[in-house]
Amino acid sequence: MPRGRSVLKAREQAPDERQLVEAAKGDPRRFAELYEINFERVYAFVVSRVRDRSEAQDLTSEVFHQALKNLGKFGWRGVPFAAWLYRIASNAIADRARRLSREQTGPAPDQIGEEDLEGVEERAQIFRMVKDLPEDQRRVVEMRFVEEKSIRDIAREIGRSEGAVKQLQFRGLQNLRDRMTGQ
């Protein structure tokens, strides 16, 4: 699927965000639906810029905390709710960069571009596909690529041989490739 279509397709499949936002403004417990719909996108956006898993998790949590806290200030301007979340995330990342720059010098995060949003959407889609893998493949793929564990450590932890872990990893990645090309 061409990159631009993946973003449009995701927007078309989302429930009426306007109704969900209005419901969440009236009852903050309804914010959970917005969280579920947008978590992968926001996390993929943050992790692509931060590159440190624990920091990305903390920043993503901060984004949703800020969004819930400021939901009453959200106004419709013809853009998806996710764009507002990306702006909050971008600000949180910039704040983090400023804090770190006091300790060391480094480049600040870039502004959000259309290509960035498409890449974020693709990564979010991959996260969802990993969740749909068979349990043993999903576990190995997550341990290997999210937790960054070695084949040996994974084998020890799940009680399988290194060869079996390699095979599960291969099958899991092949499953993901097949699902990505089948879209």
N, C-alpha and C. Protein backbone atom coordinates (compact mmCIF):
# COMPACT_ATOMS: atom_id res chain seq x y z
N MET A 1 0.84 -1.17 0.00
CA MET A 1 0.00 0.00 0.00
C MET A 1 0.89 1.24 0.00
N PRO A 2 0.65 2.20 -0.88
CA PRO A 2 1.46 3.41 -0.89
C PRO A 2 1.35 4.12 0.45
N ARG A 3 2.39 4.85 0.80
CA ARG A 3 2.47 5.46 2.13
C ARG A 3 1.30 6.38 2.44
N GLY A 4 0.92 7.25 1.54
CA GLY A 4 -0.15 8.20 1.79
C GLY A 4 -1.48 7.53 2.09
N ARG A 5 -1.73 6.42 1.45
CA ARG A 5 -3.00 5.72 1.66
C ARG A 5 -3.10 5.12 3.05
N SER A 6 -1.96 4.69 3.63
CA SER A 6 -2.02 4.08 4.96
C SER A 6 -2.53 5.08 5.99
N VAL A 7 -2.12 6.34 5.89
CA VAL A 7 -2.58 7.36 6.83
C VAL A 7 -4.07 7.61 6.61
N LEU A 8 -4.48 7.74 5.34
CA LEU A 8 -5.89 7.98 5.05
C LEU A 8 -6.76 6.82 5.49
N LYS A 9 -6.28 5.60 5.25
CA LYS A 9 -7.05 4.42 5.63
C LYS A 9 -7.25 4.38 7.15
N ALA A 10 -6.20 4.70 7.90
CA ALA A 10 -6.31 4.69 9.37
C ALA A 10 -7.31 5.75 9.82
N ARG A 11 -7.32 6.91 9.16
CA ARG A 11 -8.26 7.96 9.54
C ARG A 11 -9.69 7.55 9.25
N GLU A 12 -9.89 6.85 8.12
CA GLU A 12 -11.23 6.42 7.76
C GLU A 12 -11.76 5.36 8.73
N GLN A 13 -10.88 4.52 9.25
CA GLN A 13 -11.30 3.42 10.11
C GLN A 13 -11.57 3.87 11.54
N ALA A 14 -11.04 5.02 11.94
CA ALA A 14 -11.21 5.49 13.31
C ALA A 14 -12.66 5.88 13.54
N PRO A 15 -13.19 5.58 14.74
CA PRO A 15 -14.55 6.02 15.05
C PRO A 15 -14.60 7.54 15.00
N ASP A 16 -15.78 8.10 15.04
CA ASP A 16 -15.93 9.55 14.98
C ASP A 16 -15.22 10.17 16.17
N GLU A 17 -14.04 10.70 15.91
CA GLU A 17 -13.22 11.26 16.98
C GLU A 17 -13.91 12.41 17.68
N ARG A 18 -14.62 13.19 16.92
CA ARG A 18 -15.28 14.36 17.52
C ARG A 18 -16.23 13.92 18.64
N GLN A 19 -16.99 12.87 18.39
CA GLN A 19 -17.92 12.36 19.41
C GLN A 19 -17.15 11.80 20.61
N LEU A 20 -16.05 11.09 20.33
CA LEU A 20 -15.26 10.53 21.43
C LEU A 20 -14.64 11.64 22.28
N VAL A 21 -14.15 12.69 21.64
CA VAL A 21 -13.55 13.80 22.39
C VAL A 21 -14.61 14.50 23.22
N GLU A 22 -15.77 14.75 22.63
CA GLU A 22 -16.84 15.42 23.39
C GLU A 22 -17.28 14.56 24.57
N ALA A 23 -17.37 13.25 24.37
CA ALA A 23 -17.74 12.35 25.46
C ALA A 23 -16.69 12.39 26.57
N ALA A 24 -15.39 12.40 26.17
CA ALA A 24 -14.31 12.44 27.15
C ALA A 24 -14.27 13.77 27.90
N LYS A 25 -14.65 14.85 27.23
CA LYS A 25 -14.71 16.15 27.92
C LYS A 25 -15.76 16.11 29.02
N GLY A 26 -16.86 15.43 28.76
CA GLY A 26 -17.93 15.31 29.75
C GLY A 26 -17.62 14.30 30.84
N ASP A 27 -16.91 13.23 30.49
CA ASP A 27 -16.59 12.16 31.44
C ASP A 27 -15.16 11.69 31.16
N PRO A 28 -14.19 12.11 31.97
CA PRO A 28 -12.79 11.77 31.71
C PRO A 28 -12.52 10.26 31.60
N ARG A 29 -13.41 9.43 32.14
CA ARG A 29 -13.22 7.98 32.00
C ARG A 29 -13.34 7.55 30.55
N ARG A 30 -14.04 8.32 29.74
CA ARG A 30 -14.19 8.00 28.31
C ARG A 30 -12.92 8.28 27.51
N PHE A 31 -11.94 8.94 28.13
CA PHE A 31 -10.67 9.22 27.46
C PHE A 31 -9.94 7.92 27.10
N ALA A 32 -10.25 6.84 27.80
CA ALA A 32 -9.61 5.55 27.54
C ALA A 32 -9.78 5.13 26.08
N GLU A 33 -10.92 5.42 25.48
CA GLU A 33 -11.15 5.06 24.08
C GLU A 33 -10.20 5.82 23.16
N LEU A 34 -10.01 7.10 23.43
CA LEU A 34 -9.06 7.89 22.63
C LEU A 34 -7.63 7.39 22.83
N TYR A 35 -7.32 7.00 24.06
CA TYR A 35 -6.01 6.45 24.37
C TYR A 35 -5.76 5.18 23.55
N GLU A 36 -6.72 4.27 23.57
CA GLU A 36 -6.58 2.99 22.84
C GLU A 36 -6.39 3.21 21.34
N ILE A 37 -7.13 4.13 20.78
CA ILE A 37 -7.06 4.39 19.34
C ILE A 37 -5.72 5.00 18.95
N ASN A 38 -5.16 5.84 19.81
CA ASN A 38 -4.00 6.64 19.44
C ASN A 38 -2.68 6.22 20.07
N PHE A 39 -2.69 5.25 20.99
CA PHE A 39 -1.46 4.91 21.70
C PHE A 39 -0.32 4.51 20.76
N GLU A 40 -0.57 3.57 19.84
CA GLU A 40 0.51 3.09 18.98
C GLU A 40 1.10 4.21 18.13
N ARG A 41 0.22 5.09 17.63
CA ARG A 41 0.71 6.20 16.81
C ARG A 41 1.64 7.10 17.60
N VAL A 42 1.19 7.48 18.79
CA VAL A 42 1.98 8.41 19.61
C VAL A 42 3.29 7.74 20.04
N TYR A 43 3.21 6.50 20.47
CA TYR A 43 4.42 5.80 20.90
C TYR A 43 5.41 5.68 19.73
N ALA A 44 4.91 5.32 18.55
CA ALA A 44 5.78 5.20 17.37
C ALA A 44 6.41 6.55 17.04
N PHE A 45 5.64 7.62 17.15
CA PHE A 45 6.15 8.96 16.89
C PHE A 45 7.28 9.29 17.87
N VAL A 46 7.04 9.05 19.14
CA VAL A 46 8.02 9.39 20.18
C VAL A 46 9.26 8.52 20.05
N VAL A 47 9.09 7.22 19.90
CA VAL A 47 10.25 6.32 19.86
C VAL A 47 11.11 6.59 18.62
N SER A 48 10.52 7.08 17.55
CA SER A 48 11.31 7.38 16.36
C SER A 48 12.22 8.58 16.57
N ARG A 49 11.90 9.41 17.56
CA ARG A 49 12.71 10.59 17.82
C ARG A 49 13.61 10.44 19.05
N VAL A 50 13.20 9.64 19.99
CA VAL A 50 13.95 9.52 21.24
C VAL A 50 14.94 8.37 21.19
N ARG A 51 14.55 7.26 20.59
CA ARG A 51 15.40 6.08 20.39
C ARG A 51 15.79 5.35 21.68
N ASP A 52 15.26 5.77 22.81
CA ASP A 52 15.48 5.08 24.07
C ASP A 52 14.12 4.60 24.55
N ARG A 53 13.97 3.30 24.67
CA ARG A 53 12.66 2.71 24.94
C ARG A 53 12.04 3.22 26.24
N SER A 54 12.78 3.24 27.32
CA SER A 54 12.19 3.67 28.59
C SER A 54 11.85 5.16 28.56
N GLU A 55 12.69 5.96 27.94
CA GLU A 55 12.38 7.39 27.82
C GLU A 55 11.16 7.60 26.93
N ALA A 56 11.04 6.80 25.85
CA ALA A 56 9.89 6.91 24.96
C ALA A 56 8.61 6.53 25.70
N GLN A 57 8.68 5.52 26.54
CA GLN A 57 7.51 5.11 27.33
C GLN A 57 7.11 6.22 28.29
N ASP A 58 8.10 6.83 28.95
CA ASP A 58 7.81 7.92 29.88
C ASP A 58 7.19 9.11 29.16
N LEU A 59 7.76 9.47 28.01
CA LEU A 59 7.25 10.61 27.25
C LEU A 59 5.84 10.33 26.72
N THR A 60 5.59 9.11 26.26
CA THR A 60 4.26 8.77 25.77
C THR A 60 3.24 8.87 26.90
N SER A 61 3.60 8.40 28.05
CA SER A 61 2.71 8.53 29.22
C SER A 61 2.45 9.99 29.53
N GLU A 62 3.49 10.80 29.47
CA GLU A 62 3.36 12.23 29.72
C GLU A 62 2.43 12.89 28.70
N VAL A 63 2.53 12.47 27.44
CA VAL A 63 1.68 13.03 26.39
C VAL A 63 0.21 12.79 26.71
N PHE A 64 -0.14 11.57 27.07
CA PHE A 64 -1.54 11.27 27.36
C PHE A 64 -2.00 11.93 28.65
N HIS A 65 -1.11 12.06 29.61
CA HIS A 65 -1.46 12.77 30.84
C HIS A 65 -1.77 14.23 30.52
N GLN A 66 -0.92 14.87 29.73
CA GLN A 66 -1.14 16.27 29.34
C GLN A 66 -2.42 16.42 28.51
N ALA A 67 -2.64 15.45 27.61
CA ALA A 67 -3.84 15.51 26.77
C ALA A 67 -5.11 15.43 27.63
N LEU A 68 -5.13 14.53 28.57
CA LEU A 68 -6.31 14.40 29.45
C LEU A 68 -6.49 15.67 30.28
N LYS A 69 -5.39 16.17 30.81
CA LYS A 69 -5.43 17.37 31.64
C LYS A 69 -5.94 18.59 30.85
N ASN A 70 -5.58 18.67 29.57
CA ASN A 70 -5.93 19.84 28.75
C ASN A 70 -7.02 19.58 27.73
N LEU A 71 -7.74 18.48 27.88
CA LEU A 71 -8.76 18.11 26.90
C LEU A 71 -9.81 19.20 26.72
N GLY A 72 -10.14 19.90 27.78
CA GLY A 72 -11.12 20.98 27.69
C GLY A 72 -10.68 22.11 26.77
N LYS A 73 -9.38 22.24 26.55
CA LYS A 73 -8.85 23.30 25.69
C LYS A 73 -8.81 22.87 24.22
N PHE A 74 -9.03 21.58 23.96
CA PHE A 74 -8.96 21.09 22.58
C PHE A 74 -10.15 21.62 21.80
N GLY A 75 -9.87 22.19 20.63
CA GLY A 75 -10.92 22.68 19.75
C GLY A 75 -10.74 22.10 18.36
N TRP A 76 -11.83 21.84 17.68
CA TRP A 76 -11.77 21.25 16.33
C TRP A 76 -11.37 22.30 15.31
N ARG A 77 -10.35 21.95 14.52
CA ARG A 77 -9.87 22.85 13.47
C ARG A 77 -9.71 22.12 12.16
N GLY A 78 -10.42 21.03 12.00
CA GLY A 78 -10.37 20.28 10.75
C GLY A 78 -9.22 19.31 10.63
N VAL A 79 -8.53 19.03 11.73
CA VAL A 79 -7.44 18.06 11.72
C VAL A 79 -7.75 16.94 12.71
N PRO A 80 -7.19 15.76 12.50
CA PRO A 80 -7.47 14.65 13.42
C PRO A 80 -6.98 14.94 14.84
N PHE A 81 -7.59 14.29 15.79
CA PHE A 81 -7.20 14.39 17.20
C PHE A 81 -5.74 14.01 17.37
N ALA A 82 -5.28 13.03 16.58
CA ALA A 82 -3.88 12.58 16.67
C ALA A 82 -2.91 13.72 16.39
N ALA A 83 -3.27 14.66 15.52
CA ALA A 83 -2.38 15.79 15.24
C ALA A 83 -2.13 16.61 16.51
N TRP A 84 -3.17 16.78 17.33
CA TRP A 84 -3.02 17.49 18.60
C TRP A 84 -2.08 16.70 19.53
N LEU A 85 -2.26 15.38 19.55
CA LEU A 85 -1.38 14.54 20.37
C LEU A 85 0.06 14.62 19.88
N TYR A 86 0.27 14.65 18.56
CA TYR A 86 1.63 14.78 18.01
C TYR A 86 2.26 16.11 18.44
N ARG A 87 1.45 17.16 18.47
CA ARG A 87 1.96 18.46 18.89
C ARG A 87 2.38 18.40 20.36
N ILE A 88 1.56 17.79 21.20
CA ILE A 88 1.92 17.63 22.61
C ILE A 88 3.21 16.81 22.72
N ALA A 89 3.28 15.73 21.93
CA ALA A 89 4.48 14.88 21.95
C ALA A 89 5.70 15.66 21.48
N SER A 90 5.54 16.42 20.43
CA SER A 90 6.65 17.22 19.91
C SER A 90 7.15 18.21 20.96
N ASN A 91 6.22 18.84 21.67
CA ASN A 91 6.60 19.76 22.74
C ASN A 91 7.30 19.03 23.88
N ALA A 92 6.80 17.86 24.24
CA ALA A 92 7.43 17.08 25.31
C ALA A 92 8.84 16.66 24.92
N ILE A 93 9.01 16.27 23.66
CA ILE A 93 10.34 15.88 23.17
C ILE A 93 11.28 17.09 23.17
N ALA A 94 10.76 18.24 22.75
CA ALA A 94 11.57 19.46 22.74
C ALA A 94 11.97 19.85 24.16
N ASP A 95 11.02 19.73 25.10
CA ASP A 95 11.34 20.02 26.50
C ASP A 95 12.44 19.08 27.00
N ARG A 96 12.32 17.82 26.65
CA ARG A 96 13.34 16.84 27.03
C ARG A 96 14.68 17.21 26.43
N ALA A 97 14.70 17.62 25.16
CA ALA A 97 15.95 18.00 24.49
C ALA A 97 16.58 19.21 25.18
N ARG A 98 15.74 20.17 25.57
CA ARG A 98 16.26 21.35 26.28
C ARG A 98 16.88 20.95 27.62
N ARG A 99 16.19 20.05 28.33
CA ARG A 99 16.75 19.58 29.61
C ARG A 99 18.09 18.90 29.40
N LEU A 100 18.15 18.04 28.38
CA LEU A 100 19.39 17.33 28.11
C LEU A 100 20.49 18.26 27.59
N SER A 101 20.10 19.31 26.87
CA SER A 101 21.11 20.21 26.31
C SER A 101 21.82 21.00 27.39
N ARG A 102 21.19 21.15 28.53
CA ARG A 102 21.87 21.79 29.65
C ARG A 102 23.05 20.94 30.11
N GLU A 103 22.88 19.61 29.96
CA GLU A 103 23.94 18.69 30.36
C GLU A 103 24.93 18.43 29.22
N GLN A 104 24.42 18.42 28.00
CA GLN A 104 25.25 18.15 26.83
C GLN A 104 24.63 18.85 25.63
N THR A 105 25.41 19.10 24.61
CA THR A 105 24.86 19.76 23.43
C THR A 105 24.41 18.71 22.43
N GLY A 106 23.35 19.03 21.69
CA GLY A 106 22.81 18.11 20.69
C GLY A 106 21.69 18.77 19.93
N PRO A 107 21.32 18.19 18.79
CA PRO A 107 20.26 18.80 17.98
C PRO A 107 18.88 18.67 18.62
N ALA A 108 18.05 19.67 18.42
CA ALA A 108 16.66 19.63 18.89
C ALA A 108 15.84 18.83 17.89
N PRO A 109 14.72 18.26 18.30
CA PRO A 109 13.89 17.49 17.37
C PRO A 109 13.34 18.36 16.25
N ASP A 110 13.14 17.76 15.09
CA ASP A 110 12.61 18.45 13.92
C ASP A 110 11.13 18.73 14.09
N GLN A 111 10.63 19.60 13.25
CA GLN A 111 9.20 19.85 13.20
C GLN A 111 8.51 18.65 12.55
N ILE A 112 7.22 18.51 12.80
CA ILE A 112 6.45 17.40 12.24
C ILE A 112 6.18 17.67 10.77
N GLY A 113 6.49 16.69 9.91
CA GLY A 113 6.18 16.78 8.49
C GLY A 113 5.25 15.65 8.09
N GLU A 114 4.67 15.75 6.90
CA GLU A 114 3.74 14.72 6.41
C GLU A 114 4.44 13.35 6.34
N GLU A 115 5.72 13.34 5.91
CA GLU A 115 6.45 12.07 5.83
C GLU A 115 6.62 11.46 7.21
N ASP A 116 6.85 12.31 8.22
CA ASP A 116 6.97 11.82 9.59
C ASP A 116 5.70 11.13 10.03
N LEU A 117 4.56 11.74 9.75
CA LEU A 117 3.28 11.17 10.17
C LEU A 117 3.02 9.85 9.47
N GLU A 118 3.40 9.75 8.21
CA GLU A 118 3.21 8.49 7.48
C GLU A 118 4.10 7.40 8.08
N GLY A 119 5.34 7.74 8.41
CA GLY A 119 6.24 6.78 9.04
C GLY A 119 5.73 6.34 10.40
N VAL A 120 5.21 7.27 11.14
CA VAL A 120 4.64 6.96 12.46
C VAL A 120 3.47 6.00 12.29
N GLU A 121 2.62 6.28 11.32
CA GLU A 121 1.46 5.42 11.09
C GLU A 121 1.89 4.01 10.71
N GLU A 122 2.93 3.90 9.89
CA GLU A 122 3.43 2.57 9.51
C GLU A 122 3.98 1.82 10.71
N ARG A 123 4.74 2.50 11.57
CA ARG A 123 5.28 1.84 12.77
C ARG A 123 4.16 1.42 13.70
N ALA A 124 3.15 2.24 13.83
CA ALA A 124 1.99 1.88 14.68
C ALA A 124 1.30 0.65 14.12
N GLN A 125 1.21 0.58 12.81
CA GLN A 125 0.59 -0.57 12.16
C GLN A 125 1.41 -1.84 12.44
N ILE A 126 2.72 -1.72 12.42
CA ILE A 126 3.59 -2.87 12.72
C ILE A 126 3.38 -3.31 14.16
N PHE A 127 3.30 -2.34 15.10
CA PHE A 127 3.06 -2.69 16.50
C PHE A 127 1.78 -3.51 16.63
N ARG A 128 0.72 -3.08 15.91
CA ARG A 128 -0.55 -3.81 15.97
C ARG A 128 -0.39 -5.21 15.37
N MET A 129 0.36 -5.34 14.29
CA MET A 129 0.56 -6.65 13.65
C MET A 129 1.32 -7.60 14.57
N VAL A 130 2.29 -7.08 15.31
CA VAL A 130 3.06 -7.93 16.23
C VAL A 130 2.12 -8.51 17.28
N LYS A 131 1.16 -7.71 17.74
CA LYS A 131 0.21 -8.19 18.74
C LYS A 131 -0.62 -9.36 18.22
N ASP A 132 -0.80 -9.44 16.90
CA ASP A 132 -1.62 -10.49 16.30
C ASP A 132 -0.84 -11.75 15.94
N LEU A 133 0.47 -11.75 16.17
CA LEU A 133 1.26 -12.96 15.89
C LEU A 133 0.88 -14.06 16.87
N PRO A 134 1.14 -15.32 16.50
CA PRO A 134 0.96 -16.41 17.47
C PRO A 134 1.79 -16.11 18.73
N GLU A 135 1.29 -16.50 19.87
CA GLU A 135 1.87 -16.15 21.16
C GLU A 135 3.39 -16.35 21.24
N ASP A 136 3.89 -17.53 20.85
CA ASP A 136 5.33 -17.79 20.97
C ASP A 136 6.15 -16.91 20.04
N GLN A 137 5.66 -16.67 18.83
CA GLN A 137 6.37 -15.78 17.90
C GLN A 137 6.35 -14.34 18.41
N ARG A 138 5.18 -13.90 18.88
CA ARG A 138 5.05 -12.54 19.40
C ARG A 138 6.02 -12.31 20.56
N ARG A 139 6.07 -13.27 21.44
CA ARG A 139 6.94 -13.14 22.62
C ARG A 139 8.40 -13.03 22.22
N VAL A 140 8.84 -13.88 21.28
CA VAL A 140 10.23 -13.84 20.84
C VAL A 140 10.54 -12.52 20.12
N VAL A 141 9.65 -12.09 19.23
CA VAL A 141 9.88 -10.83 18.50
C VAL A 141 9.95 -9.65 19.47
N GLU A 142 9.05 -9.60 20.43
CA GLU A 142 9.09 -8.50 21.41
C GLU A 142 10.35 -8.55 22.25
N MET A 143 10.73 -9.73 22.72
CA MET A 143 11.93 -9.84 23.54
C MET A 143 13.18 -9.46 22.75
N ARG A 144 13.21 -9.87 21.49
CA ARG A 144 14.38 -9.63 20.65
C ARG A 144 14.50 -8.17 20.22
N PHE A 145 13.40 -7.57 19.77
CA PHE A 145 13.49 -6.24 19.16
C PHE A 145 13.00 -5.10 20.05
N VAL A 146 12.14 -5.38 21.01
CA VAL A 146 11.69 -4.32 21.91
C VAL A 146 12.58 -4.31 23.15
N GLU A 147 12.76 -5.48 23.75
CA GLU A 147 13.58 -5.56 24.95
C GLU A 147 15.06 -5.70 24.63
N GLU A 148 15.38 -5.93 23.34
CA GLU A 148 16.75 -6.03 22.84
C GLU A 148 17.57 -7.11 23.55
N LYS A 149 16.94 -8.25 23.76
CA LYS A 149 17.63 -9.37 24.41
C LYS A 149 18.33 -10.22 23.36
N SER A 150 19.35 -10.93 23.77
CA SER A 150 20.08 -11.81 22.86
C SER A 150 19.30 -13.12 22.69
N ILE A 151 19.62 -13.84 21.63
CA ILE A 151 19.00 -15.14 21.37
C ILE A 151 19.22 -16.05 22.58
N ARG A 152 20.43 -16.04 23.09
CA ARG A 152 20.78 -16.89 24.24
C ARG A 152 19.91 -16.56 25.46
N ASP A 153 19.75 -15.27 25.75
CA ASP A 153 18.94 -14.86 26.90
C ASP A 153 17.47 -15.25 26.72
N ILE A 154 16.98 -15.08 25.51
CA ILE A 154 15.58 -15.45 25.23
C ILE A 154 15.40 -16.95 25.42
N ALA A 155 16.32 -17.73 24.87
CA ALA A 155 16.24 -19.19 24.97
C ALA A 155 16.21 -19.61 26.45
N ARG A 156 17.07 -19.01 27.22
CA ARG A 156 17.14 -19.33 28.64
C ARG A 156 15.82 -18.96 29.34
N GLU A 157 15.28 -17.80 28.99
CA GLU A 157 14.07 -17.31 29.66
C GLU A 157 12.82 -18.13 29.31
N ILE A 158 12.71 -18.56 28.05
CA ILE A 158 11.50 -19.29 27.67
C ILE A 158 11.70 -20.81 27.69
N GLY A 159 12.89 -21.24 28.02
CA GLY A 159 13.14 -22.68 28.15
C GLY A 159 13.19 -23.42 26.83
N ARG A 160 13.72 -22.79 25.80
CA ARG A 160 13.86 -23.41 24.49
C ARG A 160 15.31 -23.32 24.04
N SER A 161 15.65 -24.09 23.01
CA SER A 161 17.01 -24.03 22.49
C SER A 161 17.19 -22.74 21.68
N GLU A 162 18.44 -22.35 21.47
CA GLU A 162 18.72 -21.16 20.67
C GLU A 162 18.21 -21.35 19.25
N GLY A 163 18.34 -22.56 18.72
CA GLY A 163 17.83 -22.84 17.38
C GLY A 163 16.32 -22.65 17.29
N ALA A 164 15.61 -23.08 18.33
CA ALA A 164 14.15 -22.92 18.35
C ALA A 164 13.77 -21.44 18.41
N VAL A 165 14.53 -20.67 19.18
CA VAL A 165 14.28 -19.23 19.27
C VAL A 165 14.52 -18.56 17.92
N LYS A 166 15.61 -18.93 17.25
CA LYS A 166 15.89 -18.38 15.92
C LYS A 166 14.77 -18.71 14.94
N GLN A 167 14.27 -19.94 15.03
CA GLN A 167 13.19 -20.36 14.14
C GLN A 167 11.90 -19.57 14.43
N LEU A 168 11.59 -19.36 15.71
CA LEU A 168 10.41 -18.58 16.08
C LEU A 168 10.55 -17.13 15.60
N GLN A 169 11.75 -16.59 15.75
CA GLN A 169 12.01 -15.23 15.27
C GLN A 169 11.82 -15.16 13.76
N PHE A 170 12.40 -16.12 13.05
CA PHE A 170 12.28 -16.14 11.59
C PHE A 170 10.82 -16.23 11.17
N ARG A 171 10.07 -17.13 11.78
CA ARG A 171 8.65 -17.29 11.43
C ARG A 171 7.84 -16.04 11.77
N GLY A 172 8.14 -15.43 12.91
CA GLY A 172 7.45 -14.20 13.29
C GLY A 172 7.71 -13.08 12.31
N LEU A 173 8.97 -12.90 11.92
CA LEU A 173 9.30 -11.84 10.96
C LEU A 173 8.71 -12.14 9.58
N GLN A 174 8.71 -13.42 9.21
CA GLN A 174 8.11 -13.79 7.93
C GLN A 174 6.60 -13.52 7.95
N ASN A 175 5.96 -13.84 9.06
CA ASN A 175 4.53 -13.54 9.22
C ASN A 175 4.26 -12.04 9.07
N LEU A 176 5.11 -11.22 9.69
CA LEU A 176 4.95 -9.77 9.59
C LEU A 176 5.13 -9.30 8.15
N ARG A 177 6.17 -9.83 7.46
CA ARG A 177 6.40 -9.46 6.06
C ARG A 177 5.19 -9.82 5.21
N ASP A 178 4.67 -11.04 5.40
CA ASP A 178 3.51 -11.48 4.64
C ASP A 178 2.31 -10.58 4.87
N ARG A 179 2.09 -10.21 6.12
CA ARG A 179 0.94 -9.35 6.45
C ARG A 179 1.12 -7.94 5.88
N MET A 180 2.36 -7.46 5.87
CA MET A 180 2.61 -6.13 5.34
C MET A 180 2.43 -6.08 3.84
N THR A 181 2.87 -7.09 3.14
CA THR A 181 2.72 -7.10 1.68
C THR A 181 1.32 -7.49 1.26
N GLY A 182 0.57 -8.13 2.13
CA GLY A 182 -0.79 -8.53 1.82
C GLY A 182 -1.81 -7.43 2.01
N GLN A 183 -1.38 -6.26 2.50
CA GLN A 183 -2.32 -5.17 2.77
C GLN A 183 -2.71 -4.46 1.51
